[in-house]
Each structure stands twice: as C-alpha cells, then as structure tokens.
Amino acid sequence: MKGVYNIIVWTNWQTLLAATWRFFVVICDWRTILRKITGRPIVDVVFVSNMRDRTDRRRYLGLWKPKHGHFNGPRYWLNGIVSRTRAIDVTAEDLATPSGRRRAREYFINVVEWAKDHGAKVVLLAAGTKHLFGESGTQLKELFPSLIFTIGDNGTFLLLKEEVLRALKNADLKPGLCKIGVLGPYGFLGEMMTQTLKRKGYNIIGAGPNVSALQKTGEVYGIEICKTFSEMGKVDAIVACTHSEKIRLTIENVELIRHSNKKLLIIDVAEPSNLKYREYQRCKDVVIRQDAGNAYSPNLKYVLGAISYKMFRLTQGVTFGCFAEAMSIASMLKYGKEVEG
C-alpha cells in the first residue's frame, strides 16, 4: 500500500509541476500580452506535434487531460516572429495504432482551427504528425486554403547533410575507405542521405524492417541492404533516420556492428532518438554520438528560457530543423516574399 501511495503522490506532484509551468509561461510571455493589447495576431506560426513518449506526457500534462485534445507547449520568439508549439494528447507509441492515428487526426484539425483563429499563417506538421493526412495533405489544403502547411523535412535535411559530412570529415572517415550504415534509408531523410553519401563515394549499407521499400532503395542506389544488425557486418558510422523499434541501436547491436578497435560514430536525427539515453549510458565508452538536424540562433528566445528548453530536451538557442523551416517561411511572408508549394 505504501508503494501505491508513493506513486499517487508522485503523479499528483508531476501534475502540479506541469500546471505551474503552463501558468508561468502565460504570465511571463509579455510579448504575447503586448500583441493582445495592440490587437495583433498572437501567433505567426504553429508547430503541431505529438508527444514523444511518457516523459513528455508527465512533464507537460501529468494527470491533466486537455479538453480538446491539444495544449500549449514551448513558445518561441525569433526576430519578431512568434511561434508556438501546440501538442496533441497522443504519443509516438499511440500513433502506431489505428485508433491512435484516428484520434491524432481529429486533434490535429482542432489545432489548425485554433491556429487559424489566433492569426497563424504557417502550420508545421511536426514529429509523427507528418503523414497523418497523406503525402500531399490534400484534405488540409482544402479545409484551410489560406494557410501554408509544411512538414519541415527540407530544413531538417539541409542541416543533417552538413552535420553528417562534417562529422565524417572530423572522424577522418574518407569515401571508399569506410562503410556507413543508414537506418531507415527509404524515408525522406534516409533516402536523401543515402543519395548524398553515395554521390560522395561512400560505401553504404541500408537497414530497416520495411522489406519492400528497402529492396527498392537498394536497387535504385546500388547499395547493400539488410533487415537486422546481425546481417549488417562491421561499419564505421551509423546515420539513424528512424526510431523504429525493429531497428534500434542497443549496446548489444553496437557490439555487433562496430570494429573492435575503434569507437562507432552515431549521428542520430530520429525523434525520439534511435539510441535511447539509457542505452547510450551503457555504451558511451565505445560510441561517439551526436544529435543532428537541429538549428541554432543566438536570437531564438524561449519563454521561461532554460526551464522550457530543458523540458523540451534541447539547449539554449536550439530548435528542431523542421521548426526552423516553418519559422523561415513565416519570416518570408512577413517581409512580403511569395511562398508557394
């Protein structure tokens, strides 16, 4: 009984902390208050995202259930552009189920209605929401013709490409002399990285559980493919473009694929991360890991500063590449530039 009592107390405490954070974000966001007073729209761009996992649910909600299935996450200000994360009450795990995806689509439409009513011109389909409405997002465009929608993958890829090439250069991994594993080479980021690395002359092996897409990628780019780490052999670096449980890095899998005399370079763009924190702690002596696909600006401000960006598992001035793309589009609109497509 004592254990149950402790769990209840802890959960209630988390709920209180989450509510306290949301309260202070509202009262400390003086720029939004000023916009309201002057009759201006309170947002320029809205990032619609699912929660990554139970940690996000605990940090932002606790036991609270938002009435319409969505709630305010971190708020950003960058050079006069006001951006806000609007999260739906669905985790990445929920999105793997048909019922979770149906609920996510319903909540997403609710968020876009909210975004439109509050002045947003740009809406980002972030994280696991990217393909909730198909590849072209026709339904969203028909429902909200005045808004610009983006999944932000172009911004993420441009950042990822530069980081991967820089990391390989710094690790002295030269084309033709090493092998790079790409996890999820058939998704947008994975395919673009496969294309880039192939063009640079690197030997590549693509890995993932989607057999038909994997085979097609192998044929198109002329690369080796495998379904599991046990089939991969030894590689010098991994570019992780998926967080699929069927192709996740663990200490056991790291030992299967790394050369015994050197550390394995892991560049992880997946969100949530492919190499989970607890697994990284187990293998940190034999890997070099870096996050990728994130953007930095000294002018990027979080409301409540360090409290907010640490809750988001980021650092000062840093945001996700897809968020940066959406803010860039909003900035172009603000300065009268035409944005199409």
Protein backbone atom coordinates (compact mmCIF):
# COMPACT_ATOMS: atom_id res chain seq x y z
CA MET A 1 0.00 0.00 0.00
CA LYS A 2 2.87 2.34 0.75
CA GLY A 3 4.19 1.87 -2.80
CA VAL A 4 0.79 2.72 -4.29
CA TYR A 5 0.55 5.81 -2.07
CA ASN A 6 4.00 6.96 -3.19
CA ILE A 7 3.03 6.56 -6.85
CA ILE A 8 -0.15 8.61 -6.33
CA VAL A 9 1.76 11.35 -4.52
CA TRP A 10 4.45 11.43 -7.22
CA THR A 11 1.90 11.57 -10.05
CA ASN A 12 -0.03 14.38 -8.38
CA TRP A 13 3.22 16.26 -7.83
CA GLN A 14 4.06 15.93 -11.54
CA THR A 15 0.61 17.24 -12.45
CA LEU A 16 1.15 20.27 -10.20
CA LEU A 17 4.57 20.97 -11.70
CA ALA A 18 3.17 20.75 -15.24
CA ALA A 19 0.32 23.14 -14.38
CA THR A 20 2.79 25.53 -12.70
CA TRP A 21 4.96 25.63 -15.82
CA ARG A 22 1.97 26.31 -18.08
CA PHE A 23 0.78 29.09 -15.73
CA PHE A 24 4.11 30.90 -15.62
CA VAL A 25 4.61 30.64 -19.39
CA VAL A 26 1.32 32.52 -19.83
CA ILE A 27 2.05 35.31 -17.37
CA CYS A 28 5.70 35.71 -18.43
CA ASP A 29 5.01 35.86 -22.16
CA TRP A 30 4.91 39.67 -22.19
CA ARG A 31 5.30 39.86 -25.97
CA THR A 32 2.03 37.97 -26.50
CA ILE A 33 0.33 40.12 -23.89
CA LEU A 34 1.51 43.20 -25.80
CA ARG A 35 0.21 41.76 -29.06
CA LYS A 36 -3.20 41.16 -27.48
CA ILE A 37 -3.34 44.72 -26.14
CA THR A 38 -2.47 46.16 -29.55
CA GLY A 39 -4.93 43.89 -31.38
CA ARG A 40 -2.35 41.95 -33.35
CA PRO A 41 -2.42 38.18 -34.05
CA ILE A 42 -0.77 36.31 -31.19
CA VAL A 43 0.97 33.70 -33.36
CA ASP A 44 2.65 33.68 -36.78
CA VAL A 45 3.47 30.00 -36.98
CA VAL A 46 2.22 26.95 -35.06
CA PHE A 47 4.16 23.70 -34.70
CA VAL A 48 1.66 20.84 -34.31
CA SER A 49 3.31 17.83 -32.72
CA ASN A 50 2.50 14.65 -30.90
CA MET A 51 4.27 13.99 -27.60
CA ARG A 52 7.34 11.81 -27.93
CA ASP A 53 6.73 9.50 -25.01
CA ARG A 54 5.56 9.13 -21.42
CA THR A 55 8.26 11.55 -20.28
CA ASP A 56 6.69 14.33 -22.35
CA ARG A 57 3.23 13.41 -21.05
CA ARG A 58 4.48 13.55 -17.47
CA ARG A 59 6.31 16.85 -17.93
CA TYR A 60 3.60 18.75 -19.77
CA LEU A 61 0.36 17.17 -18.55
CA GLY A 62 0.76 14.93 -15.53
CA LEU A 63 -2.78 13.63 -14.98
CA TRP A 64 -4.45 16.59 -16.72
CA LYS A 65 -6.39 15.79 -19.90
CA PRO A 66 -6.81 18.78 -22.25
CA LYS A 67 -10.45 19.25 -23.16
CA HIS A 68 -9.98 19.48 -26.94
CA GLY A 69 -7.03 17.11 -27.16
CA HIS A 70 -4.31 19.74 -27.55
CA PHE A 71 -2.37 22.17 -25.38
CA ASN A 72 0.40 24.78 -25.40
CA GLY A 73 3.99 23.61 -25.47
CA PRO A 74 7.10 25.81 -25.59
CA ARG A 75 6.78 29.30 -27.09
CA TYR A 76 9.46 30.90 -29.28
CA TRP A 77 10.36 34.38 -30.41
CA LEU A 78 12.82 34.99 -33.24
CA ASN A 79 13.35 38.38 -34.88
CA GLY A 80 9.73 39.42 -34.44
CA ILE A 81 8.27 36.04 -35.45
CA VAL A 82 6.16 34.46 -32.74
CA SER A 83 5.97 30.69 -32.83
CA ARG A 84 4.19 28.25 -30.60
CA THR A 85 4.26 24.51 -30.14
CA ARG A 86 0.76 23.13 -29.92
CA ALA A 87 0.93 19.49 -28.85
CA ILE A 88 -1.76 16.88 -29.29
CA ASP A 89 -2.56 14.43 -26.50
CA VAL A 90 -1.07 11.48 -28.39
CA THR A 91 2.39 9.87 -28.07
CA ALA A 92 4.59 8.34 -30.77
CA GLU A 93 3.57 4.93 -29.43
CA ASP A 94 -0.13 5.82 -29.83
CA LEU A 95 0.46 6.74 -33.47
CA ALA A 96 1.45 3.16 -34.20
CA THR A 97 -2.19 2.08 -33.69
CA PRO A 98 -5.19 2.78 -35.97
CA SER A 99 -7.21 4.24 -33.08
CA GLY A 100 -4.29 6.48 -32.08
CA ARG A 101 -3.96 7.82 -35.63
CA ARG A 102 -7.71 8.50 -35.87
CA ARG A 103 -7.57 10.41 -32.60
CA ALA A 104 -4.47 12.28 -33.77
CA ARG A 105 -6.17 13.42 -37.00
CA GLU A 106 -9.17 14.69 -35.05
CA TYR A 107 -6.98 16.60 -32.58
CA PHE A 108 -4.83 17.94 -35.41
CA ILE A 109 -7.83 19.51 -37.17
CA ASN A 110 -8.80 21.09 -33.84
CA VAL A 111 -5.31 22.58 -33.51
CA VAL A 112 -5.35 24.04 -37.02
CA GLU A 113 -8.71 25.67 -36.28
CA TRP A 114 -7.11 27.16 -33.16
CA ALA A 115 -4.05 28.30 -35.12
CA LYS A 116 -6.16 29.99 -37.81
CA ASP A 117 -8.33 31.74 -35.22
CA HIS A 118 -5.22 33.10 -33.48
CA GLY A 119 -3.61 34.54 -36.60
CA ALA A 120 -1.17 31.86 -37.76
CA LYS A 121 -0.16 31.85 -41.42
CA VAL A 122 2.08 28.78 -41.32
CA VAL A 123 1.41 25.39 -39.74
CA LEU A 124 4.05 22.69 -39.29
CA LEU A 125 3.21 19.01 -39.22
CA ALA A 126 5.93 18.00 -36.76
CA ALA A 127 7.25 14.67 -35.48
CA GLY A 128 4.80 11.79 -36.04
CA THR A 129 2.07 14.02 -37.50
CA LYS A 130 3.95 14.50 -40.80
CA HIS A 131 1.99 11.90 -42.76
CA LEU A 132 -1.33 11.86 -40.90
CA PHE A 133 -3.00 13.33 -43.99
CA GLY A 134 -1.09 11.53 -46.74
CA GLU A 135 1.87 12.63 -48.79
CA SER A 136 0.20 15.71 -50.32
CA GLY A 137 -2.00 16.82 -47.40
CA THR A 138 -4.90 17.46 -49.79
CA GLN A 139 -7.53 17.35 -47.03
CA LEU A 140 -5.75 20.03 -45.00
CA LYS A 141 -5.29 22.29 -48.00
CA GLU A 142 -8.97 22.02 -48.88
CA LEU A 143 -10.12 22.69 -45.31
CA PHE A 144 -7.69 25.59 -44.75
CA PRO A 145 -6.78 27.16 -48.13
CA SER A 146 -5.46 30.36 -46.51
CA LEU A 147 -2.74 28.56 -44.54
CA ILE A 148 0.65 27.26 -45.63
CA PHE A 149 1.46 23.74 -44.42
CA THR A 150 4.92 22.19 -44.25
CA ILE A 151 6.47 19.04 -42.79
CA GLY A 152 9.83 20.78 -42.46
CA ASP A 153 11.90 17.95 -43.93
CA ASN A 154 13.80 20.21 -46.33
CA GLY A 155 15.15 22.31 -43.47
CA THR A 156 15.98 19.23 -41.43
CA PHE A 157 17.78 17.59 -44.34
CA LEU A 158 19.91 20.62 -45.16
CA LEU A 159 21.09 20.72 -41.55
CA LEU A 160 21.52 16.94 -41.36
CA LYS A 161 23.60 16.82 -44.55
CA GLU A 162 26.03 19.46 -43.33
CA GLU A 163 26.37 17.81 -39.92
CA VAL A 164 26.91 14.31 -41.31
CA LEU A 165 29.56 15.40 -43.79
CA ARG A 166 31.32 17.48 -41.14
CA ALA A 167 31.22 14.60 -38.63
CA LEU A 168 32.64 12.13 -41.15
CA LYS A 169 35.41 14.57 -42.04
CA ASN A 170 36.26 15.21 -38.39
CA ALA A 171 36.36 11.46 -37.76
CA ASP A 172 38.70 11.06 -40.76
CA LEU A 173 36.27 8.68 -42.45
CA LYS A 174 37.12 9.02 -46.12
CA PRO A 175 34.98 7.91 -49.09
CA GLY A 176 35.92 4.46 -50.39
CA LEU A 177 37.77 3.58 -47.18
CA CYS A 178 34.88 3.06 -44.77
CA LYS A 179 31.32 1.79 -44.59
CA ILE A 180 28.34 3.85 -43.41
CA GLY A 181 25.09 2.31 -42.15
CA VAL A 182 21.88 4.25 -42.84
CA LEU A 183 18.93 3.22 -40.68
CA GLY A 184 15.64 3.80 -42.48
CA PRO A 185 17.12 4.60 -45.93
CA TYR A 186 13.66 4.62 -47.54
CA GLY A 187 12.18 7.58 -45.62
CA PHE A 188 12.72 11.12 -46.92
CA LEU A 189 15.73 11.90 -44.71
CA GLY A 190 17.20 8.42 -45.07
CA GLU A 191 16.86 8.41 -48.85
CA MET A 192 18.32 11.90 -49.21
CA MET A 193 21.28 10.96 -47.00
CA THR A 194 21.78 7.74 -48.97
CA GLN A 195 21.78 9.76 -52.18
CA THR A 196 24.22 12.31 -50.75
CA LEU A 197 26.66 9.76 -49.32
CA LYS A 198 26.54 7.65 -52.47
CA ARG A 199 27.34 10.73 -54.58
CA LYS A 200 30.32 11.45 -52.28
CA GLY A 201 31.67 7.95 -52.89
CA TYR A 202 30.95 6.32 -49.53
CA ASN A 203 30.16 2.61 -49.21
CA ILE A 204 26.67 2.35 -47.74
CA ILE A 205 24.51 -0.35 -46.24
CA GLY A 206 20.87 0.45 -45.65
CA ALA A 207 18.95 -1.24 -42.85
CA GLY A 208 15.29 -1.31 -41.87
CA PRO A 209 12.25 -3.53 -41.36
CA ASN A 210 10.27 -2.33 -44.42
CA VAL A 211 11.42 -5.07 -46.76
CA SER A 212 9.80 -3.87 -50.00
CA ALA A 213 10.94 -0.25 -49.54
CA LEU A 214 14.40 -1.47 -48.53
CA GLN A 215 14.76 -3.60 -51.66
CA LYS A 216 13.63 -0.73 -53.86
CA THR A 217 16.15 1.62 -52.25
CA GLY A 218 18.90 -0.93 -52.74
CA GLU A 219 18.07 -1.28 -56.44
CA VAL A 220 17.73 2.45 -57.10
CA TYR A 221 21.00 3.45 -55.40
CA GLY A 222 23.00 0.25 -55.84
CA ILE A 223 23.75 -0.18 -52.14
CA GLU A 224 23.89 -3.15 -49.80
CA ILE A 225 20.80 -3.72 -47.68
CA CYS A 226 19.89 -5.73 -44.59
CA LYS A 227 16.92 -6.15 -42.28
CA THR A 228 18.77 -6.57 -38.97
CA PHE A 229 22.01 -5.57 -37.29
CA SER A 230 23.14 -9.19 -37.25
CA GLU A 231 23.18 -9.08 -41.08
CA MET A 232 24.95 -5.71 -41.29
CA GLY A 233 28.54 -6.63 -40.57
CA LYS A 234 31.07 -4.06 -39.36
CA VAL A 235 30.55 -0.37 -40.10
CA ASP A 236 32.42 2.81 -39.21
CA ALA A 237 29.42 5.07 -38.71
CA ILE A 238 25.64 5.00 -38.44
CA VAL A 239 23.20 7.66 -39.64
CA ALA A 240 19.96 6.91 -37.76
CA CYS A 241 16.93 8.26 -39.66
CA THR A 242 14.29 6.16 -37.91
CA HIS A 243 13.25 5.30 -34.35
CA SER A 244 11.55 2.05 -35.34
CA GLU A 245 11.76 -0.48 -32.52
CA LYS A 246 12.70 -3.11 -35.12
CA ILE A 247 16.00 -1.42 -35.97
CA ARG A 248 17.05 0.26 -32.72
CA LEU A 249 20.61 0.69 -31.51
CA THR A 250 21.37 -1.02 -28.20
CA ILE A 251 24.69 -1.92 -26.60
CA GLU A 252 24.30 -5.44 -27.98
CA ASN A 253 23.68 -4.17 -31.52
CA VAL A 254 26.53 -1.66 -31.25
CA GLU A 255 28.91 -4.51 -30.39
CA LEU A 256 27.64 -6.47 -33.39
CA ILE A 257 28.46 -3.72 -35.90
CA ARG A 258 31.41 -1.72 -34.55
CA HIS A 259 35.05 -2.51 -35.26
CA SER A 260 36.61 -3.88 -32.08
CA ASN A 261 39.50 -1.42 -32.16
CA LYS A 262 37.54 1.81 -32.61
CA LYS A 263 34.50 3.72 -31.46
CA LEU A 264 31.34 3.74 -33.57
CA LEU A 265 30.23 7.17 -34.81
CA ILE A 266 26.45 7.57 -34.46
CA ILE A 267 24.65 10.55 -36.00
CA ASP A 268 21.08 10.43 -34.73
CA VAL A 269 18.40 12.55 -36.41
CA ALA A 270 15.46 10.38 -35.28
CA GLU A 271 12.88 11.89 -32.94
CA PRO A 272 12.53 10.27 -30.44
CA SER A 273 16.19 9.31 -30.64
CA ASN A 274 17.05 5.93 -32.09
CA LEU A 275 19.73 5.38 -29.44
CA LYS A 276 17.83 5.92 -26.21
CA TYR A 277 19.54 7.72 -23.34
CA ARG A 278 19.70 4.66 -21.10
CA GLU A 279 21.27 2.63 -23.91
CA TYR A 280 23.75 5.41 -24.60
CA GLN A 281 24.80 5.29 -20.95
CA ARG A 282 25.53 1.59 -21.35
CA CYS A 283 27.67 2.00 -24.48
CA LYS A 284 29.06 5.55 -24.17
CA ASP A 285 32.64 4.27 -23.88
CA VAL A 286 32.52 2.67 -27.32
CA VAL A 287 30.46 5.19 -29.32
CA ILE A 288 30.62 8.84 -30.34
CA ARG A 289 27.05 10.09 -30.62
CA GLN A 290 25.67 13.39 -31.79
CA ASP A 291 22.18 14.71 -32.38
CA ALA A 292 21.58 16.05 -35.85
CA GLY A 293 19.05 18.06 -37.82
CA ASN A 294 18.70 20.83 -35.24
CA ALA A 295 19.10 24.56 -35.86
CA TYR A 296 20.72 27.29 -33.74
CA SER A 297 20.31 31.05 -33.50
CA PRO A 298 21.54 33.36 -30.73
CA ASN A 299 18.35 35.37 -31.33
CA LEU A 300 15.99 32.47 -30.61
CA LYS A 301 14.21 33.05 -27.31
CA TYR A 302 12.16 30.57 -25.30
CA VAL A 303 9.52 31.93 -22.94
CA LEU A 304 10.84 30.91 -19.47
CA GLY A 305 14.24 30.31 -21.01
CA ALA A 306 16.23 27.36 -19.67
CA ILE A 307 13.24 25.83 -17.92
CA SER A 308 11.39 25.49 -21.22
CA TYR A 309 14.22 24.38 -23.49
CA LYS A 310 15.40 21.79 -20.98
CA MET A 311 11.86 20.44 -20.68
CA PHE A 312 11.95 20.14 -24.48
CA ARG A 313 15.31 18.29 -24.17
CA LEU A 314 17.13 20.98 -26.12
CA THR A 315 19.71 23.66 -25.31
CA GLN A 316 19.85 27.44 -25.45
CA GLY A 317 19.13 28.88 -28.90
CA VAL A 318 18.46 25.44 -30.40
CA THR A 319 15.31 24.10 -32.04
CA PHE A 320 14.43 21.32 -34.43
CA GLY A 321 15.24 21.74 -38.11
CA CYS A 322 11.59 21.40 -39.14
CA PHE A 323 10.66 24.18 -36.68
CA ALA A 324 13.37 26.36 -38.19
CA GLU A 325 11.99 25.81 -41.70
CA ALA A 326 8.48 26.80 -40.60
CA MET A 327 9.82 29.96 -38.92
CA SER A 328 11.78 30.80 -42.07
CA ILE A 329 8.62 30.55 -44.17
CA ALA A 330 6.75 32.79 -41.71
CA SER A 331 9.60 35.29 -41.85
CA MET A 332 9.46 35.36 -45.66
CA LEU A 333 5.72 36.04 -45.52
CA LYS A 334 6.26 38.82 -43.00
CA TYR A 335 8.65 40.59 -45.34
CA GLY A 336 6.34 40.26 -48.33
CA LYS A 337 8.08 37.46 -50.18
CA GLU A 338 5.96 34.98 -52.11
CA VAL A 339 5.86 31.40 -50.88
CA GLU A 340 4.36 28.63 -52.98
CA GLY A 341 4.15 24.84 -52.81
